[in-house]
Amino acid sequence: MAELLNETEVGKALGVLTAWRLDDGALVREVELESFSQAIQVVNRVAEIAENDNHHPDIDIRWRTLTFRCTTHSANGLTQCDVSLAQEIDGVIEAMGGAG
């Protein structure tokens, strides 16, 4: 099982993941894309990464607004897997021209 991050490690992660916030023990990011189809393209790319990493975010889709929630359910909190996945999600969003 992945090891939980301590408060200092979570703080450092949030210092790097500037578009993310801590919400009820999870890293959360909301982003608005140009269109619904672009939002789905981001979801599809994140799904490929998540399958490859065997670590999956919760994703909420509201038209062209996506909310990503990263937490390690089996560890009951944040782990390095969540930080890494959040960084990969940021890369996808940046590549697709998303903001927010």
N, C-alpha and C. Protein backbone atom coordinates (compact mmCIF):
# COMPACT_ATOMS: atom_id res chain seq x y z
N MET A 1 0.85 -1.18 0.00
CA MET A 1 0.00 0.00 0.00
C MET A 1 0.89 1.24 0.00
N ALA A 2 0.47 2.27 -0.72
CA ALA A 2 1.22 3.53 -0.78
C ALA A 2 1.17 4.23 0.57
N GLU A 3 2.25 4.94 0.89
CA GLU A 3 2.37 5.63 2.17
C GLU A 3 1.72 7.00 2.11
N LEU A 4 0.95 7.34 3.15
CA LEU A 4 0.30 8.64 3.22
C LEU A 4 1.33 9.76 3.33
N LEU A 5 1.02 10.89 2.70
CA LEU A 5 1.88 12.06 2.81
C LEU A 5 1.61 12.75 4.15
N ASN A 6 2.66 13.31 4.76
CA ASN A 6 2.44 14.08 5.99
C ASN A 6 2.09 15.52 5.61
N GLU A 7 1.78 16.35 6.61
CA GLU A 7 1.35 17.73 6.33
C GLU A 7 2.39 18.52 5.57
N THR A 8 3.65 18.35 5.91
CA THR A 8 4.73 19.06 5.22
C THR A 8 4.79 18.65 3.75
N GLU A 9 4.68 17.36 3.49
CA GLU A 9 4.72 16.87 2.11
C GLU A 9 3.51 17.36 1.32
N VAL A 10 2.35 17.41 1.96
CA VAL A 10 1.15 17.93 1.29
C VAL A 10 1.35 19.40 0.96
N GLY A 11 1.91 20.16 1.89
CA GLY A 11 2.18 21.58 1.66
C GLY A 11 3.13 21.80 0.50
N LYS A 12 4.18 20.99 0.44
CA LYS A 12 5.13 21.09 -0.67
C LYS A 12 4.44 20.77 -2.00
N ALA A 13 3.61 19.75 -1.99
CA ALA A 13 2.90 19.37 -3.22
C ALA A 13 2.00 20.51 -3.69
N LEU A 14 1.27 21.13 -2.76
CA LEU A 14 0.38 22.23 -3.14
C LEU A 14 1.17 23.45 -3.61
N GLY A 15 2.43 23.58 -3.16
CA GLY A 15 3.27 24.67 -3.64
C GLY A 15 3.64 24.49 -5.10
N VAL A 16 3.70 23.24 -5.55
CA VAL A 16 4.01 22.94 -6.95
C VAL A 16 2.73 22.87 -7.78
N LEU A 17 1.69 22.31 -7.20
CA LEU A 17 0.41 22.13 -7.90
C LEU A 17 -0.48 23.35 -7.64
N THR A 18 -0.10 24.48 -8.23
CA THR A 18 -0.74 25.76 -7.89
C THR A 18 -2.21 25.86 -8.31
N ALA A 19 -2.65 25.05 -9.26
CA ALA A 19 -4.05 25.09 -9.70
C ALA A 19 -4.93 24.16 -8.86
N TRP A 20 -4.33 23.45 -7.94
CA TRP A 20 -5.04 22.47 -7.13
C TRP A 20 -5.29 23.00 -5.73
N ARG A 21 -6.30 22.44 -5.07
CA ARG A 21 -6.58 22.78 -3.68
C ARG A 21 -6.79 21.49 -2.90
N LEU A 22 -6.65 21.58 -1.61
CA LEU A 22 -6.92 20.44 -0.74
C LEU A 22 -8.37 20.53 -0.30
N ASP A 23 -9.12 19.46 -0.49
CA ASP A 23 -10.53 19.45 -0.11
C ASP A 23 -10.86 18.09 0.47
N ASP A 24 -11.11 18.06 1.75
CA ASP A 24 -11.52 16.83 2.44
C ASP A 24 -10.57 15.67 2.15
N GLY A 25 -9.27 15.96 2.25
CA GLY A 25 -8.26 14.91 2.10
C GLY A 25 -7.95 14.51 0.67
N ALA A 26 -8.35 15.34 -0.29
CA ALA A 26 -8.08 15.04 -1.70
C ALA A 26 -7.53 16.28 -2.40
N LEU A 27 -6.75 16.05 -3.44
CA LEU A 27 -6.33 17.13 -4.32
C LEU A 27 -7.44 17.34 -5.34
N VAL A 28 -7.87 18.60 -5.51
CA VAL A 28 -9.00 18.90 -6.39
C VAL A 28 -8.62 20.04 -7.33
N ARG A 29 -8.95 19.85 -8.60
CA ARG A 29 -8.75 20.90 -9.60
C ARG A 29 -9.97 20.96 -10.50
N GLU A 30 -10.43 22.18 -10.74
CA GLU A 30 -11.52 22.42 -11.68
C GLU A 30 -10.94 23.18 -12.86
N VAL A 31 -11.35 22.79 -14.05
CA VAL A 31 -10.86 23.44 -15.26
C VAL A 31 -12.00 23.57 -16.26
N GLU A 32 -12.02 24.71 -16.95
CA GLU A 32 -13.01 24.92 -18.00
C GLU A 32 -12.31 24.88 -19.35
N LEU A 33 -12.79 24.04 -20.23
CA LEU A 33 -12.23 23.90 -21.57
C LEU A 33 -13.06 24.71 -22.56
N GLU A 34 -12.58 24.79 -23.78
CA GLU A 34 -13.25 25.58 -24.82
C GLU A 34 -14.60 24.99 -25.24
N SER A 35 -14.71 23.68 -25.19
CA SER A 35 -15.93 23.02 -25.66
C SER A 35 -16.13 21.70 -24.92
N PHE A 36 -17.31 21.15 -25.06
CA PHE A 36 -17.60 19.84 -24.47
C PHE A 36 -16.70 18.77 -25.08
N SER A 37 -16.52 18.82 -26.39
CA SER A 37 -15.69 17.79 -27.03
C SER A 37 -14.23 17.89 -26.57
N GLN A 38 -13.74 19.09 -26.35
CA GLN A 38 -12.37 19.24 -25.84
C GLN A 38 -12.28 18.69 -24.42
N ALA A 39 -13.31 18.94 -23.62
CA ALA A 39 -13.33 18.40 -22.26
C ALA A 39 -13.29 16.87 -22.29
N ILE A 40 -14.03 16.27 -23.19
CA ILE A 40 -14.04 14.81 -23.29
C ILE A 40 -12.68 14.30 -23.79
N GLN A 41 -12.03 15.03 -24.67
CA GLN A 41 -10.68 14.66 -25.11
C GLN A 41 -9.72 14.63 -23.92
N VAL A 42 -9.83 15.62 -23.03
CA VAL A 42 -8.99 15.65 -21.83
C VAL A 42 -9.31 14.44 -20.96
N VAL A 43 -10.58 14.15 -20.76
CA VAL A 43 -10.98 12.99 -19.95
C VAL A 43 -10.41 11.71 -20.55
N ASN A 44 -10.52 11.57 -21.86
CA ASN A 44 -10.00 10.36 -22.51
C ASN A 44 -8.49 10.21 -22.32
N ARG A 45 -7.76 11.31 -22.46
CA ARG A 45 -6.30 11.24 -22.28
C ARG A 45 -5.95 10.93 -20.82
N VAL A 46 -6.65 11.56 -19.88
CA VAL A 46 -6.41 11.27 -18.46
C VAL A 46 -6.76 9.82 -18.16
N ALA A 47 -7.80 9.29 -18.78
CA ALA A 47 -8.17 7.88 -18.57
C ALA A 47 -7.05 6.95 -19.03
N GLU A 48 -6.43 7.27 -20.16
CA GLU A 48 -5.30 6.46 -20.65
C GLU A 48 -4.15 6.47 -19.64
N ILE A 49 -3.83 7.65 -19.13
CA ILE A 49 -2.75 7.78 -18.15
C ILE A 49 -3.10 7.01 -16.88
N ALA A 50 -4.33 7.17 -16.41
CA ALA A 50 -4.77 6.51 -15.18
C ALA A 50 -4.71 4.99 -15.31
N GLU A 51 -5.12 4.48 -16.45
CA GLU A 51 -5.05 3.03 -16.68
C GLU A 51 -3.60 2.56 -16.68
N ASN A 52 -2.74 3.33 -17.33
CA ASN A 52 -1.33 2.99 -17.38
C ASN A 52 -0.70 3.01 -16.00
N ASP A 53 -1.07 4.00 -15.19
CA ASP A 53 -0.53 4.15 -13.83
C ASP A 53 -1.24 3.26 -12.81
N ASN A 54 -2.39 2.70 -13.20
CA ASN A 54 -3.25 1.96 -12.28
C ASN A 54 -3.59 2.80 -11.04
N HIS A 55 -3.89 4.08 -11.32
CA HIS A 55 -4.30 5.02 -10.27
C HIS A 55 -5.28 5.99 -10.92
N HIS A 56 -6.50 6.02 -10.42
CA HIS A 56 -7.60 6.67 -11.12
C HIS A 56 -8.20 7.83 -10.33
N PRO A 57 -8.34 8.99 -10.98
CA PRO A 57 -8.99 10.11 -10.31
C PRO A 57 -10.51 9.99 -10.40
N ASP A 58 -11.19 10.67 -9.50
CA ASP A 58 -12.63 10.87 -9.67
C ASP A 58 -12.76 12.06 -10.61
N ILE A 59 -13.65 11.96 -11.59
CA ILE A 59 -13.82 13.02 -12.57
C ILE A 59 -15.31 13.37 -12.66
N ASP A 60 -15.59 14.66 -12.53
CA ASP A 60 -16.95 15.17 -12.69
C ASP A 60 -16.97 16.00 -13.97
N ILE A 61 -17.92 15.73 -14.85
CA ILE A 61 -18.04 16.45 -16.12
C ILE A 61 -19.34 17.24 -16.10
N ARG A 62 -19.22 18.55 -16.26
CA ARG A 62 -20.38 19.45 -16.35
C ARG A 62 -20.19 20.31 -17.59
N TRP A 63 -20.75 19.87 -18.69
CA TRP A 63 -20.61 20.50 -19.99
C TRP A 63 -19.14 20.61 -20.33
N ARG A 64 -18.52 21.77 -20.26
CA ARG A 64 -17.11 21.90 -20.61
C ARG A 64 -16.23 22.14 -19.38
N THR A 65 -16.80 21.95 -18.19
CA THR A 65 -16.06 22.10 -16.95
C THR A 65 -15.80 20.73 -16.35
N LEU A 66 -14.53 20.47 -16.06
CA LEU A 66 -14.12 19.21 -15.46
C LEU A 66 -13.62 19.46 -14.04
N THR A 67 -13.95 18.56 -13.14
CA THR A 67 -13.39 18.60 -11.79
C THR A 67 -12.69 17.27 -11.56
N PHE A 68 -11.41 17.36 -11.26
CA PHE A 68 -10.59 16.18 -10.96
C PHE A 68 -10.37 16.12 -9.46
N ARG A 69 -10.48 14.92 -8.91
CA ARG A 69 -10.28 14.69 -7.48
C ARG A 69 -9.34 13.50 -7.34
N CYS A 70 -8.16 13.75 -6.76
CA CYS A 70 -7.15 12.69 -6.60
C CYS A 70 -6.96 12.36 -5.13
N THR A 71 -7.17 11.13 -4.80
CA THR A 71 -6.92 10.61 -3.46
C THR A 71 -6.70 9.11 -3.61
N THR A 72 -5.97 8.54 -2.68
CA THR A 72 -5.72 7.10 -2.73
C THR A 72 -6.71 6.43 -1.78
N HIS A 73 -7.77 5.88 -2.35
CA HIS A 73 -8.84 5.30 -1.54
C HIS A 73 -8.33 4.18 -0.64
N SER A 74 -7.43 3.36 -1.14
CA SER A 74 -6.94 2.22 -0.35
C SER A 74 -6.09 2.67 0.84
N ALA A 75 -5.50 3.87 0.75
CA ALA A 75 -4.69 4.40 1.85
C ALA A 75 -5.48 5.39 2.70
N ASN A 76 -6.68 5.72 2.26
CA ASN A 76 -7.54 6.65 2.99
C ASN A 76 -6.93 8.05 3.09
N GLY A 77 -6.32 8.53 2.00
CA GLY A 77 -5.74 9.86 2.01
C GLY A 77 -4.82 10.08 0.83
N LEU A 78 -3.98 11.10 0.96
CA LEU A 78 -3.07 11.49 -0.13
C LEU A 78 -1.76 10.73 -0.08
N THR A 79 -1.32 10.30 -1.26
CA THR A 79 -0.03 9.64 -1.41
C THR A 79 0.71 10.29 -2.57
N GLN A 80 1.94 9.90 -2.77
CA GLN A 80 2.72 10.41 -3.89
C GLN A 80 2.05 10.05 -5.22
N CYS A 81 1.32 8.97 -5.26
CA CYS A 81 0.59 8.60 -6.48
C CYS A 81 -0.38 9.71 -6.90
N ASP A 82 -1.02 10.34 -5.92
CA ASP A 82 -1.96 11.42 -6.22
C ASP A 82 -1.25 12.65 -6.74
N VAL A 83 -0.11 12.98 -6.14
CA VAL A 83 0.68 14.13 -6.59
C VAL A 83 1.16 13.89 -8.03
N SER A 84 1.66 12.72 -8.30
CA SER A 84 2.14 12.39 -9.65
C SER A 84 1.00 12.45 -10.66
N LEU A 85 -0.15 11.91 -10.30
CA LEU A 85 -1.29 11.93 -11.22
C LEU A 85 -1.75 13.37 -11.45
N ALA A 86 -1.79 14.18 -10.42
CA ALA A 86 -2.19 15.58 -10.56
C ALA A 86 -1.23 16.30 -11.52
N GLN A 87 0.05 16.02 -11.41
CA GLN A 87 1.03 16.64 -12.31
C GLN A 87 0.78 16.19 -13.75
N GLU A 88 0.45 14.93 -13.94
CA GLU A 88 0.16 14.43 -15.29
C GLU A 88 -1.11 15.07 -15.83
N ILE A 89 -2.12 15.24 -14.98
CA ILE A 89 -3.36 15.90 -15.40
C ILE A 89 -3.06 17.33 -15.81
N ASP A 90 -2.23 18.03 -15.04
CA ASP A 90 -1.84 19.39 -15.41
C ASP A 90 -1.22 19.42 -16.81
N GLY A 91 -0.37 18.45 -17.10
CA GLY A 91 0.26 18.39 -18.41
C GLY A 91 -0.74 18.21 -19.53
N VAL A 92 -1.74 17.38 -19.31
CA VAL A 92 -2.79 17.17 -20.32
C VAL A 92 -3.57 18.44 -20.52
N ILE A 93 -3.96 19.08 -19.43
CA ILE A 93 -4.74 20.32 -19.52
C ILE A 93 -3.95 21.40 -20.24
N GLU A 94 -2.68 21.53 -19.91
CA GLU A 94 -1.83 22.52 -20.56
C GLU A 94 -1.71 22.24 -22.05
N ALA A 95 -1.53 20.98 -22.41
CA ALA A 95 -1.41 20.61 -23.82
C ALA A 95 -2.69 20.89 -24.60
N MET A 96 -3.84 20.82 -23.91
CA MET A 96 -5.13 21.06 -24.57
C MET A 96 -5.56 22.51 -24.51
N GLY A 97 -4.76 23.34 -23.85
CA GLY A 97 -5.07 24.77 -23.80
C GLY A 97 -6.13 25.14 -22.78
N GLY A 98 -6.30 24.31 -21.76
CA GLY A 98 -7.30 24.60 -20.73
C GLY A 98 -6.80 25.63 -19.74
N ALA A 99 -7.72 26.26 -19.07
CA ALA A 99 -7.40 27.25 -18.03
C ALA A 99 -8.26 26.97 -16.80
N GLY A 100 -7.89 27.62 -15.71
CA GLY A 100 -8.76 27.54 -14.55
C GLY A 100 -8.28 26.70 -13.46
